[in-house]
Amino acid sequence: MIAAVCLGFFASIFALIGMKCTKIGGPDQTKARIVCLSGITFMCTGLCSLSACSLYAHRITSEFFDPMFVAQKYLSSVFFLPTFGRLKVSGAMLLMKCCASPQV
């Protein structure tokens, strides 16, 4: 999860550098490559958070259905967190698709 947060931070920085309105980053072709790198980094962020949340959700559900587990049993919002990881991956794919299409 920490890797996902760090990757998300760097992906945001890459996206800011790659915007056309900024003066840093070089010509438009270089900025397009930087934004593509940002999309790839966002996809890695989504995969990291998706895997971490899915492993945690599996542990919670296995403890919930274990009859030998005597502690308090409750299901938290951990089941909704992997959905955000999937949305982040699909958003990064959309970002890469929009950057790769030719401008009209």
PDB file of N, CA and C in Angstrom:
ATOM      1  N   MET A   1       0.822  -1.174   0.000  1.00  0.00           N
ATOM      2  CA  MET A   1       0.000   0.000   0.000  1.00  0.00           C
ATOM      3  C   MET A   1       0.874   1.249   0.000  1.00  0.00           C
ATOM      4  N   ILE A   2       1.992   1.176   0.679  1.00  0.00           N
ATOM      5  CA  ILE A   2       2.911   2.314   0.693  1.00  0.00           C
ATOM      6  C   ILE A   2       3.497   2.532  -0.696  1.00  0.00           C
ATOM      7  N   ALA A   3       3.775   1.450  -1.392  1.00  0.00           N
ATOM      8  CA  ALA A   3       4.275   1.568  -2.764  1.00  0.00           C
ATOM      9  C   ALA A   3       3.236   2.228  -3.662  1.00  0.00           C
ATOM     10  N   ALA A   4       1.971   1.927  -3.452  1.00  0.00           N
ATOM     11  CA  ALA A   4       0.909   2.538  -4.252  1.00  0.00           C
ATOM     12  C   ALA A   4       0.827   4.039  -4.001  1.00  0.00           C
ATOM     13  N   VAL A   5       0.981   4.447  -2.755  1.00  0.00           N
ATOM     14  CA  VAL A   5       0.935   5.872  -2.427  1.00  0.00           C
ATOM     15  C   VAL A   5       2.124   6.602  -3.057  1.00  0.00           C
ATOM     16  N   CYS A   6       3.311   6.013  -2.957  1.00  0.00           N
ATOM     17  CA  CYS A   6       4.502   6.636  -3.541  1.00  0.00           C
ATOM     18  C   CYS A   6       4.411   6.700  -5.062  1.00  0.00           C
ATOM     19  N   LEU A   7       3.973   5.618  -5.683  1.00  0.00           N
ATOM     20  CA  LEU A   7       3.817   5.619  -7.135  1.00  0.00           C
ATOM     21  C   LEU A   7       2.755   6.618  -7.587  1.00  0.00           C
ATOM     22  N   GLY A   8       1.680   6.748  -6.828  1.00  0.00           N
ATOM     23  CA  GLY A   8       0.650   7.724  -7.158  1.00  0.00           C
ATOM     24  C   GLY A   8       1.163   9.150  -7.066  1.00  0.00           C
ATOM     25  N   PHE A   9       2.018   9.413  -6.085  1.00  0.00           N
ATOM     26  CA  PHE A   9       2.617  10.747  -5.960  1.00  0.00           C
ATOM     27  C   PHE A   9       3.485  11.066  -7.173  1.00  0.00           C
ATOM     28  N   PHE A  10       4.350  10.119  -7.551  1.00  0.00           N
ATOM     29  CA  PHE A  10       5.218  10.371  -8.695  1.00  0.00           C
ATOM     30  C   PHE A  10       4.434  10.445  -9.997  1.00  0.00           C
ATOM     31  N   ALA A  11       3.376   9.662 -10.110  1.00  0.00           N
ATOM     32  CA  ALA A  11       2.543   9.727 -11.315  1.00  0.00           C
ATOM     33  C   ALA A  11       1.866  11.091 -11.430  1.00  0.00           C
ATOM     34  N   SER A  12       1.445  11.638 -10.308  1.00  0.00           N
ATOM     35  CA  SER A  12       0.829  12.969 -10.331  1.00  0.00           C
ATOM     36  C   SER A  12       1.833  14.033 -10.746  1.00  0.00           C
ATOM     37  N   ILE A  13       3.052  13.911 -10.251  1.00  0.00           N
ATOM     38  CA  ILE A  13       4.102  14.858 -10.636  1.00  0.00           C
ATOM     39  C   ILE A  13       4.390  14.747 -12.128  1.00  0.00           C
ATOM     40  N   PHE A  14       4.487  13.517 -12.650  1.00  0.00           N
ATOM     41  CA  PHE A  14       4.716  13.329 -14.082  1.00  0.00           C
ATOM     42  C   PHE A  14       3.578  13.912 -14.902  1.00  0.00           C
ATOM     43  N   ALA A  15       2.346  13.741 -14.430  1.00  0.00           N
ATOM     44  CA  ALA A  15       1.198  14.286 -15.159  1.00  0.00           C
ATOM     45  C   ALA A  15       1.230  15.812 -15.165  1.00  0.00           C
ATOM     46  N   LEU A  16       1.647  16.409 -14.057  1.00  0.00           N
ATOM     47  CA  LEU A  16       1.743  17.867 -14.017  1.00  0.00           C
ATOM     48  C   LEU A  16       2.843  18.386 -14.937  1.00  0.00           C
ATOM     49  N   ILE A  17       3.953  17.697 -14.984  1.00  0.00           N
ATOM     50  CA  ILE A  17       5.050  18.113 -15.861  1.00  0.00           C
ATOM     51  C   ILE A  17       4.667  17.942 -17.327  1.00  0.00           C
ATOM     52  N   GLY A  18       3.909  16.913 -17.639  1.00  0.00           N
ATOM     53  CA  GLY A  18       3.557  16.631 -19.022  1.00  0.00           C
ATOM     54  C   GLY A  18       2.426  17.465 -19.585  1.00  0.00           C
ATOM     55  N   MET A  19       1.796  18.312 -18.782  1.00  0.00           N
ATOM     56  CA  MET A  19       0.689  19.123 -19.292  1.00  0.00           C
ATOM     57  C   MET A  19       1.207  20.155 -20.286  1.00  0.00           C
ATOM     58  N   LYS A  20       0.385  20.467 -21.272  1.00  0.00           N
ATOM     59  CA  LYS A  20       0.803  21.396 -22.320  1.00  0.00           C
ATOM     60  C   LYS A  20       0.959  22.826 -21.811  1.00  0.00           C
ATOM     61  N   CYS A  21       0.303  23.171 -20.730  1.00  0.00           N
ATOM     62  CA  CYS A  21       0.340  24.554 -20.244  1.00  0.00           C
ATOM     63  C   CYS A  21       1.589  24.848 -19.408  1.00  0.00           C
ATOM     64  N   THR A  22       2.395  23.855 -19.090  1.00  0.00           N
ATOM     65  CA  THR A  22       3.595  24.098 -18.287  1.00  0.00           C
ATOM     66  C   THR A  22       4.773  24.455 -19.184  1.00  0.00           C
ATOM     67  N   LYS A  23       5.705  25.184 -18.622  1.00  0.00           N
ATOM     68  CA  LYS A  23       6.891  25.602 -19.374  1.00  0.00           C
ATOM     69  C   LYS A  23       8.018  24.573 -19.280  1.00  0.00           C
ATOM     70  N   ILE A  24       7.965  23.690 -18.273  1.00  0.00           N
ATOM     71  CA  ILE A  24       9.012  22.687 -18.121  1.00  0.00           C
ATOM     72  C   ILE A  24       8.605  21.411 -18.841  1.00  0.00           C
ATOM     73  N   GLY A  25       9.571  20.626 -19.222  1.00  0.00           N
ATOM     74  CA  GLY A  25       9.280  19.341 -19.849  1.00  0.00           C
ATOM     75  C   GLY A  25       9.693  19.252 -21.297  1.00  0.00           C
ATOM     76  N   GLY A  26      10.051  20.371 -21.910  1.00  0.00           N
ATOM     77  CA  GLY A  26      10.511  20.322 -23.282  1.00  0.00           C
ATOM     78  C   GLY A  26       9.385  20.480 -24.297  1.00  0.00           C
ATOM     79  N   PRO A  27       9.641  20.040 -25.534  1.00  0.00           N
ATOM     80  CA  PRO A  27       8.624  20.173 -26.585  1.00  0.00           C
ATOM     81  C   PRO A  27       7.437  19.235 -26.366  1.00  0.00           C
ATOM     82  N   ASP A  28       6.426  19.385 -27.210  1.00  0.00           N
ATOM     83  CA  ASP A  28       5.182  18.618 -27.030  1.00  0.00           C
ATOM     84  C   ASP A  28       5.393  17.116 -27.153  1.00  0.00           C
ATOM     85  N   GLN A  29       6.321  16.686 -28.000  1.00  0.00           N
ATOM     86  CA  GLN A  29       6.563  15.249 -28.144  1.00  0.00           C
ATOM     87  C   GLN A  29       7.141  14.666 -26.851  1.00  0.00           C
ATOM     88  N   THR A  30       8.018  15.386 -26.227  1.00  0.00           N
ATOM     89  CA  THR A  30       8.585  14.932 -24.955  1.00  0.00           C
ATOM     90  C   THR A  30       7.517  14.934 -23.863  1.00  0.00           C
ATOM     91  N   LYS A  31       6.665  15.960 -23.878  1.00  0.00           N
ATOM     92  CA  LYS A  31       5.596  16.019 -22.881  1.00  0.00           C
ATOM     93  C   LYS A  31       4.617  14.860 -23.065  1.00  0.00           C
ATOM     94  N   ALA A  32       4.368  14.473 -24.309  1.00  0.00           N
ATOM     95  CA  ALA A  32       3.479  13.333 -24.555  1.00  0.00           C
ATOM     96  C   ALA A  32       4.077  12.053 -23.981  1.00  0.00           C
ATOM     97  N   ARG A  33       5.368  11.894 -24.101  1.00  0.00           N
ATOM     98  CA  ARG A  33       6.028  10.714 -23.519  1.00  0.00           C
ATOM     99  C   ARG A  33       5.962  10.741 -21.994  1.00  0.00           C
ATOM    100  N   ILE A  34       6.088  11.935 -21.418  1.00  0.00           N
ATOM    101  CA  ILE A  34       6.015  12.056 -19.964  1.00  0.00           C
ATOM    102  C   ILE A  34       4.611  11.703 -19.475  1.00  0.00           C
ATOM    103  N   VAL A  35       3.594  12.153 -20.203  1.00  0.00           N
ATOM    104  CA  VAL A  35       2.215  11.824 -19.818  1.00  0.00           C
ATOM    105  C   VAL A  35       1.962  10.333 -19.986  1.00  0.00           C
ATOM    106  N   CYS A  36       2.538   9.717 -21.008  1.00  0.00           N
ATOM    107  CA  CYS A  36       2.412   8.269 -21.184  1.00  0.00           C
ATOM    108  C   CYS A  36       3.076   7.539 -20.010  1.00  0.00           C
ATOM    109  N   LEU A  37       4.227   8.010 -19.578  1.00  0.00           N
ATOM    110  CA  LEU A  37       4.882   7.449 -18.396  1.00  0.00           C
ATOM    111  C   LEU A  37       4.001   7.629 -17.162  1.00  0.00           C
ATOM    112  N   SER A  38       3.318   8.759 -17.082  1.00  0.00           N
ATOM    113  CA  SER A  38       2.396   8.989 -15.978  1.00  0.00           C
ATOM    114  C   SER A  38       1.259   7.974 -15.993  1.00  0.00           C
ATOM    115  N   GLY A  39       0.740   7.674 -17.171  1.00  0.00           N
ATOM    116  CA  GLY A  39      -0.332   6.681 -17.272  1.00  0.00           C
ATOM    117  C   GLY A  39       0.126   5.300 -16.859  1.00  0.00           C
ATOM    118  N   ILE A  40       1.330   4.928 -17.266  1.00  0.00           N
ATOM    119  CA  ILE A  40       1.883   3.630 -16.876  1.00  0.00           C
ATOM    120  C   ILE A  40       2.083   3.569 -15.364  1.00  0.00           C
ATOM    121  N   THR A  41       2.560   4.671 -14.795  1.00  0.00           N
ATOM    122  CA  THR A  41       2.772   4.719 -13.353  1.00  0.00           C
ATOM    123  C   THR A  41       1.442   4.655 -12.600  1.00  0.00           C
ATOM    124  N   PHE A  42       0.414   5.314 -13.128  1.00  0.00           N
ATOM    125  CA  PHE A  42      -0.915   5.219 -12.511  1.00  0.00           C
ATOM    126  C   PHE A  42      -1.452   3.791 -12.581  1.00  0.00           C
ATOM    127  N   MET A  43      -1.172   3.076 -13.672  1.00  0.00           N
ATOM    128  CA  MET A  43      -1.606   1.687 -13.758  1.00  0.00           C
ATOM    129  C   MET A  43      -0.893   0.835 -12.715  1.00  0.00           C
ATOM    130  N   CYS A  44       0.389   1.060 -12.530  1.00  0.00           N
ATOM    131  CA  CYS A  44       1.125   0.322 -11.498  1.00  0.00           C
ATOM    132  C   CYS A  44       0.592   0.659 -10.104  1.00  0.00           C
ATOM    133  N   THR A  45       0.210   1.921  -9.899  1.00  0.00           N
ATOM    134  CA  THR A  45      -0.386   2.324  -8.628  1.00  0.00           C
ATOM    135  C   THR A  45      -1.679   1.570  -8.370  1.00  0.00           C
ATOM    136  N   GLY A  46      -2.516   1.492  -9.386  1.00  0.00           N
ATOM    137  CA  GLY A  46      -3.778   0.769  -9.238  1.00  0.00           C
ATOM    138  C   GLY A  46      -3.574  -0.702  -8.967  1.00  0.00           C
ATOM    139  N   LEU A  47      -2.608  -1.304  -9.646  1.00  0.00           N
ATOM    140  CA  LEU A  47      -2.339  -2.725  -9.416  1.00  0.00           C
ATOM    141  C   LEU A  47      -1.798  -2.975  -8.017  1.00  0.00           C
ATOM    142  N   CYS A  48      -0.929  -2.083  -7.533  1.00  0.00           N
ATOM    143  CA  CYS A  48      -0.394  -2.243  -6.171  1.00  0.00           C
ATOM    144  C   CYS A  48      -1.502  -2.123  -5.124  1.00  0.00           C
ATOM    145  N   SER A  49      -2.349  -1.113  -5.262  1.00  0.00           N
ATOM    146  CA  SER A  49      -3.415  -0.949  -4.277  1.00  0.00           C
ATOM    147  C   SER A  49      -4.461  -2.051  -4.399  1.00  0.00           C
ATOM    148  N   LEU A  50      -4.735  -2.497  -5.616  1.00  0.00           N
ATOM    149  CA  LEU A  50      -5.687  -3.584  -5.818  1.00  0.00           C
ATOM    150  C   LEU A  50      -5.198  -4.871  -5.175  1.00  0.00           C
ATOM    151  N   SER A  51      -3.920  -5.187  -5.361  1.00  0.00           N
ATOM    152  CA  SER A  51      -3.404  -6.430  -4.785  1.00  0.00           C
ATOM    153  C   SER A  51      -3.354  -6.358  -3.258  1.00  0.00           C
ATOM    154  N   ALA A  52      -2.937  -5.225  -2.721  1.00  0.00           N
ATOM    155  CA  ALA A  52      -2.864  -5.104  -1.259  1.00  0.00           C
ATOM    156  C   ALA A  52      -4.257  -5.198  -0.625  1.00  0.00           C
ATOM    157  N   CYS A  53      -5.214  -4.507  -1.196  1.00  0.00           N
ATOM    158  CA  CYS A  53      -6.573  -4.542  -0.631  1.00  0.00           C
ATOM    159  C   CYS A  53      -7.221  -5.901  -0.826  1.00  0.00           C
ATOM    160  N   SER A  54      -6.935  -6.570  -1.932  1.00  0.00           N
ATOM    161  CA  SER A  54      -7.519  -7.888  -2.166  1.00  0.00           C
ATOM    162  C   SER A  54      -6.958  -8.917  -1.192  1.00  0.00           C
ATOM    163  N   LEU A  55      -5.662  -8.846  -0.913  1.00  0.00           N
ATOM    164  CA  LEU A  55      -5.081  -9.762   0.067  1.00  0.00           C
ATOM    165  C   LEU A  55      -5.668  -9.528   1.458  1.00  0.00           C
ATOM    166  N   TYR A  56      -5.861  -8.281   1.819  1.00  0.00           N
ATOM    167  CA  TYR A  56      -6.441  -7.965   3.119  1.00  0.00           C
ATOM    168  C   TYR A  56      -7.897  -8.426   3.186  1.00  0.00           C
ATOM    169  N   ALA A  57      -8.649  -8.230   2.105  1.00  0.00           N
ATOM    170  CA  ALA A  57     -10.048  -8.672   2.079  1.00  0.00           C
ATOM    171  C   ALA A  57     -10.136 -10.191   2.171  1.00  0.00           C
ATOM    172  N   HIS A  58      -9.217 -10.892   1.540  1.00  0.00           N
ATOM    173  CA  HIS A  58      -9.211 -12.351   1.636  1.00  0.00           C
ATOM    174  C   HIS A  58      -8.954 -12.802   3.075  1.00  0.00           C
ATOM    175  N   ARG A  59      -8.042 -12.127   3.735  1.00  0.00           N
ATOM    176  CA  ARG A  59      -7.754 -12.490   5.126  1.00  0.00           C
ATOM    177  C   ARG A  59      -8.960 -12.237   6.026  1.00  0.00           C
ATOM    178  N   ILE A  60      -9.630 -11.112   5.819  1.00  0.00           N
ATOM    179  CA  ILE A  60     -10.803 -10.784   6.637  1.00  0.00           C
ATOM    180  C   ILE A  60     -11.923 -11.797   6.414  1.00  0.00           C
ATOM    181  N   THR A  61     -12.174 -12.154   5.153  1.00  0.00           N
ATOM    182  CA  THR A  61     -13.261 -13.110   4.892  1.00  0.00           C
ATOM    183  C   THR A  61     -12.918 -14.509   5.382  1.00  0.00           C
ATOM    184  N   SER A  62     -11.653 -14.893   5.286  1.00  0.00           N
ATOM    185  CA  SER A  62     -11.296 -16.221   5.793  1.00  0.00           C
ATOM    186  C   SER A  62     -11.415 -16.273   7.315  1.00  0.00           C
ATOM    187  N   GLU A  63     -11.100 -15.171   8.010  1.00  0.00           N
ATOM    188  CA  GLU A  63     -11.291 -15.133   9.458  1.00  0.00           C
ATOM    189  C   GLU A  63     -12.773 -15.081   9.819  1.00  0.00           C
ATOM    190  N   PHE A  64     -13.567 -14.419   8.994  1.00  0.00           N
ATOM    191  CA  PHE A  64     -14.997 -14.294   9.280  1.00  0.00           C
ATOM    192  C   PHE A  64     -15.695 -15.647   9.205  1.00  0.00           C
ATOM    193  N   PHE A  65     -15.318 -16.457   8.242  1.00  0.00           N
ATOM    194  CA  PHE A  65     -15.977 -17.748   8.069  1.00  0.00           C
ATOM    195  C   PHE A  65     -15.270 -18.895   8.804  1.00  0.00           C
ATOM    196  N   ASP A  66     -14.197 -18.607   9.525  1.00  0.00           N
ATOM    197  CA  ASP A  66     -13.501 -19.632  10.291  1.00  0.00           C
ATOM    198  C   ASP A  66     -14.236 -19.855  11.611  1.00  0.00           C
ATOM    199  N   PRO A  67     -14.722 -21.068  11.864  1.00  0.00           N
ATOM    200  CA  PRO A  67     -15.464 -21.299  13.118  1.00  0.00           C
ATOM    201  C   PRO A  67     -14.557 -21.300  14.350  1.00  0.00           C
ATOM    202  N   MET A  68     -13.266 -21.479  14.196  1.00  0.00           N
ATOM    203  CA  MET A  68     -12.358 -21.495  15.335  1.00  0.00           C
ATOM    204  C   MET A  68     -11.913 -20.087  15.745  1.00  0.00           C
ATOM    205  N   PHE A  69     -12.210 -19.080  14.934  1.00  0.00           N
ATOM    206  CA  PHE A  69     -11.838 -17.697  15.235  1.00  0.00           C
ATOM    207  C   PHE A  69     -12.871 -17.118  16.194  1.00  0.00           C
ATOM    208  N   VAL A  70     -12.436 -16.740  17.418  1.00  0.00           N
ATOM    209  CA  VAL A  70     -13.383 -16.364  18.463  1.00  0.00           C
ATOM    210  C   VAL A  70     -13.482 -14.851  18.675  1.00  0.00           C
ATOM    211  N   ALA A  71     -12.682 -14.058  18.025  1.00  0.00           N
ATOM    212  CA  ALA A  71     -12.736 -12.609  18.218  1.00  0.00           C
ATOM    213  C   ALA A  71     -14.008 -12.045  17.581  1.00  0.00           C
ATOM    214  N   GLN A  72     -14.211 -10.764  17.800  1.00  0.00           N
ATOM    215  CA  GLN A  72     -15.404 -10.125  17.251  1.00  0.00           C
ATOM    216  C   GLN A  72     -15.373 -10.171  15.727  1.00  0.00           C
ATOM    217  N   LYS A  73     -16.489 -10.543  15.138  1.00  0.00           N
ATOM    218  CA  LYS A  73     -16.555 -10.672  13.691  1.00  0.00           C
ATOM    219  C   LYS A  73     -17.377  -9.536  13.106  1.00  0.00           C
ATOM    220  N   TYR A  74     -16.768  -8.814  12.187  1.00  0.00           N
ATOM    221  CA  TYR A  74     -17.489  -7.778  11.452  1.00  0.00           C
ATOM    222  C   TYR A  74     -16.816  -7.611  10.096  1.00  0.00           C
ATOM    223  N   LEU A  75     -17.576  -7.197   9.138  1.00  0.00           N
ATOM    224  CA  LEU A  75     -17.057  -6.934   7.797  1.00  0.00           C
ATOM    225  C   LEU A  75     -16.989  -5.424   7.613  1.00  0.00           C
ATOM    226  N   SER A  76     -15.822  -4.936   7.277  1.00  0.00           N
ATOM    227  CA  SER A  76     -15.637  -3.496   7.161  1.00  0.00           C
ATOM    228  C   SER A  76     -15.734  -3.056   5.698  1.00  0.00           C
ATOM    229  N   SER A  77     -15.317  -1.846   5.460  1.00  0.00           N
ATOM    230  CA  SER A  77     -15.390  -1.295   4.104  1.00  0.00           C
ATOM    231  C   SER A  77     -14.225  -1.750   3.231  1.00  0.00           C
ATOM    232  N   VAL A  78     -13.477  -2.741   3.676  1.00  0.00           N
ATOM    233  CA  VAL A  78     -12.322  -3.201   2.917  1.00  0.00           C
ATOM    234  C   VAL A  78     -12.749  -3.826   1.588  1.00  0.00           C
ATOM    235  N   PHE A  79     -13.987  -4.224   1.485  1.00  0.00           N
ATOM    236  CA  PHE A  79     -14.449  -4.855   0.257  1.00  0.00           C
ATOM    237  C   PHE A  79     -14.692  -3.841  -0.854  1.00  0.00           C
ATOM    238  N   PHE A  80     -14.819  -2.564  -0.485  1.00  0.00           N
ATOM    239  CA  PHE A  80     -15.021  -1.539  -1.497  1.00  0.00           C
ATOM    240  C   PHE A  80     -13.701  -0.953  -1.987  1.00  0.00           C
ATOM    241  N   LEU A  81     -12.625  -1.132  -1.265  1.00  0.00           N
ATOM    242  CA  LEU A  81     -11.340  -0.548  -1.638  1.00  0.00           C
ATOM    243  C   LEU A  81     -10.762  -1.117  -2.933  1.00  0.00           C
ATOM    244  N   PRO A  82     -10.835  -2.417  -3.212  1.00  0.00           N
ATOM    245  CA  PRO A  82     -10.304  -2.885  -4.500  1.00  0.00           C
ATOM    246  C   PRO A  82     -11.025  -2.298  -5.703  1.00  0.00           C
ATOM    247  N   THR A  83     -12.251  -1.851  -5.516  1.00  0.00           N
ATOM    248  CA  THR A  83     -12.969  -1.203  -6.612  1.00  0.00           C
ATOM    249  C   THR A  83     -12.257   0.077  -7.017  1.00  0.00           C
ATOM    250  N   PHE A  84     -11.730   0.816  -6.057  1.00  0.00           N
ATOM    251  CA  PHE A  84     -10.998   2.027  -6.375  1.00  0.00           C
ATOM    252  C   PHE A  84      -9.710   1.704  -7.123  1.00  0.00           C
ATOM    253  N   GLY A  85      -9.084   0.593  -6.796  1.00  0.00           N
ATOM    254  CA  GLY A  85      -7.903   0.173  -7.545  1.00  0.00           C
ATOM    255  C   GLY A  85      -8.230  -0.135  -8.987  1.00  0.00           C
ATOM    256  N   ARG A  86      -9.359  -0.812  -9.204  1.00  0.00           N
ATOM    257  CA  ARG A  86      -9.782  -1.104 -10.577  1.00  0.00           C
ATOM    258  C   ARG A  86     -10.113   0.178 -11.325  1.00  0.00           C
ATOM    259  N   LEU A  87     -10.743   1.129 -10.657  1.00  0.00           N
ATOM    260  CA  LEU A  87     -11.054   2.401 -11.302  1.00  0.00           C
ATOM    261  C   LEU A  87      -9.789   3.175 -11.649  1.00  0.00           C
ATOM    262  N   LYS A  88      -8.782   3.078 -10.784  1.00  0.00           N
ATOM    263  CA  LYS A  88      -7.531   3.770 -11.048  1.00  0.00           C
ATOM    264  C   LYS A  88      -6.813   3.164 -12.254  1.00  0.00           C
ATOM    265  N   VAL A  89      -6.842   1.837 -12.369  1.00  0.00           N
ATOM    266  CA  VAL A  89      -6.221   1.172 -13.516  1.00  0.00           C
ATOM    267  C   VAL A  89      -6.956   1.541 -14.798  1.00  0.00           C
ATOM    268  N   SER A  90      -8.277   1.516 -14.763  1.00  0.00           N
ATOM    269  CA  SER A  90      -9.027   1.843 -15.978  1.00  0.00           C
ATOM    270  C   SER A  90      -8.883   3.319 -16.331  1.00  0.00           C
ATOM    271  N   GLY A  91      -8.774   4.194 -15.345  1.00  0.00           N
ATOM    272  CA  GLY A  91      -8.536   5.606 -15.614  1.00  0.00           C
ATOM    273  C   GLY A  91      -7.174   5.846 -16.236  1.00  0.00           C
ATOM    274  N   ALA A  92      -6.174   5.098 -15.782  1.00  0.00           N
ATOM    275  CA  ALA A  92      -4.844   5.229 -16.379  1.00  0.00           C
ATOM    276  C   ALA A  92      -4.846   4.724 -17.823  1.00  0.00           C
ATOM    277  N   MET A  93      -5.596   3.656 -18.085  1.00  0.00           N
ATOM    278  CA  MET A  93      -5.694   3.176 -19.466  1.00  0.00           C
ATOM    279  C   MET A  93      -6.375   4.213 -20.356  1.00  0.00           C
ATOM    280  N   LEU A  94      -7.400   4.873 -19.829  1.00  0.00           N
ATOM    281  CA  LEU A  94      -8.076   5.912 -20.581  1.00  0.00           C
ATOM    282  C   LEU A  94      -7.139   7.090 -20.833  1.00  0.00           C
ATOM    283  N   LEU A  95      -6.333   7.449 -19.847  1.00  0.00           N
ATOM    284  CA  LEU A  95      -5.362   8.526 -20.007  1.00  0.00           C
ATOM    285  C   LEU A  95      -4.360   8.190 -21.095  1.00  0.00           C
ATOM    286  N   MET A  96      -3.867   6.965 -21.097  1.00  0.00           N
ATOM    287  CA  MET A  96      -2.907   6.570 -22.123  1.00  0.00           C
ATOM    288  C   MET A  96      -3.562   6.525 -23.501  1.00  0.00           C
ATOM    289  N   LYS A  97      -4.823   6.091 -23.586  1.00  0.00           N
ATOM    290  CA  LYS A  97      -5.527   6.027 -24.848  1.00  0.00           C
ATOM    291  C   LYS A  97      -5.754   7.425 -25.412  1.00  0.00           C
ATOM    292  N   CYS A  98      -6.113   8.367 -24.565  1.00  0.00           N
ATOM    293  CA  CYS A  98      -6.358   9.739 -25.024  1.00  0.00           C
ATOM    294  C   CYS A  98      -5.064  10.406 -25.473  1.00  0.00           C
ATOM    295  N   CYS A  99      -3.980  10.095 -24.815  1.00  0.00           N
ATOM    296  CA  CYS A  99      -2.693  10.696 -25.202  1.00  0.00           C
ATOM    297  C   CYS A  99      -2.145  10.087 -26.481  1.00  0.00           C
ATOM    298  N   ALA A 100      -2.501   8.844 -26.755  1.00  0.00           N
ATOM    299  CA  ALA A 100      -1.973   8.163 -27.938  1.00  0.00           C
ATOM    300  C   ALA A 100      -2.762   8.499 -29.196  1.00  0.00           C
ATOM    301  N   SER A 101      -4.017   8.972 -29.047  1.00  0.00           N
ATOM    302  CA  SER A 101      -4.819   9.259 -30.234  1.00  0.00           C
ATOM    303  C   SER A 101      -4.372  10.564 -30.874  1.00  0.00           C
ATOM    304  N   PRO A 102      -4.405  10.638 -32.221  1.00  0.00           N
ATOM    305  CA  PRO A 102      -3.979  11.861 -32.900  1.00  0.00           C
ATOM    306  C   PRO A 102      -4.978  12.986 -32.651  1.00  0.00           C
ATOM    307  N   GLN A 103      -4.463  14.206 -32.601  1.00  0.00           N
ATOM    308  CA  GLN A 103      -5.314  15.355 -32.369  1.00  0.00           C
ATOM    309  C   GLN A 103      -5.990  15.779 -33.669  1.00  0.00           C
ATOM    310  N   VAL A 104      -7.237  16.184 -33.558  1.00  0.00           N
ATOM    311  CA  VAL A 104      -7.997  16.583 -34.747  1.00  0.00           C
ATOM    312  C   VAL A 104      -7.920  18.073 -34.927  1.00  0.00           C
TER     313      VAL A 104
END
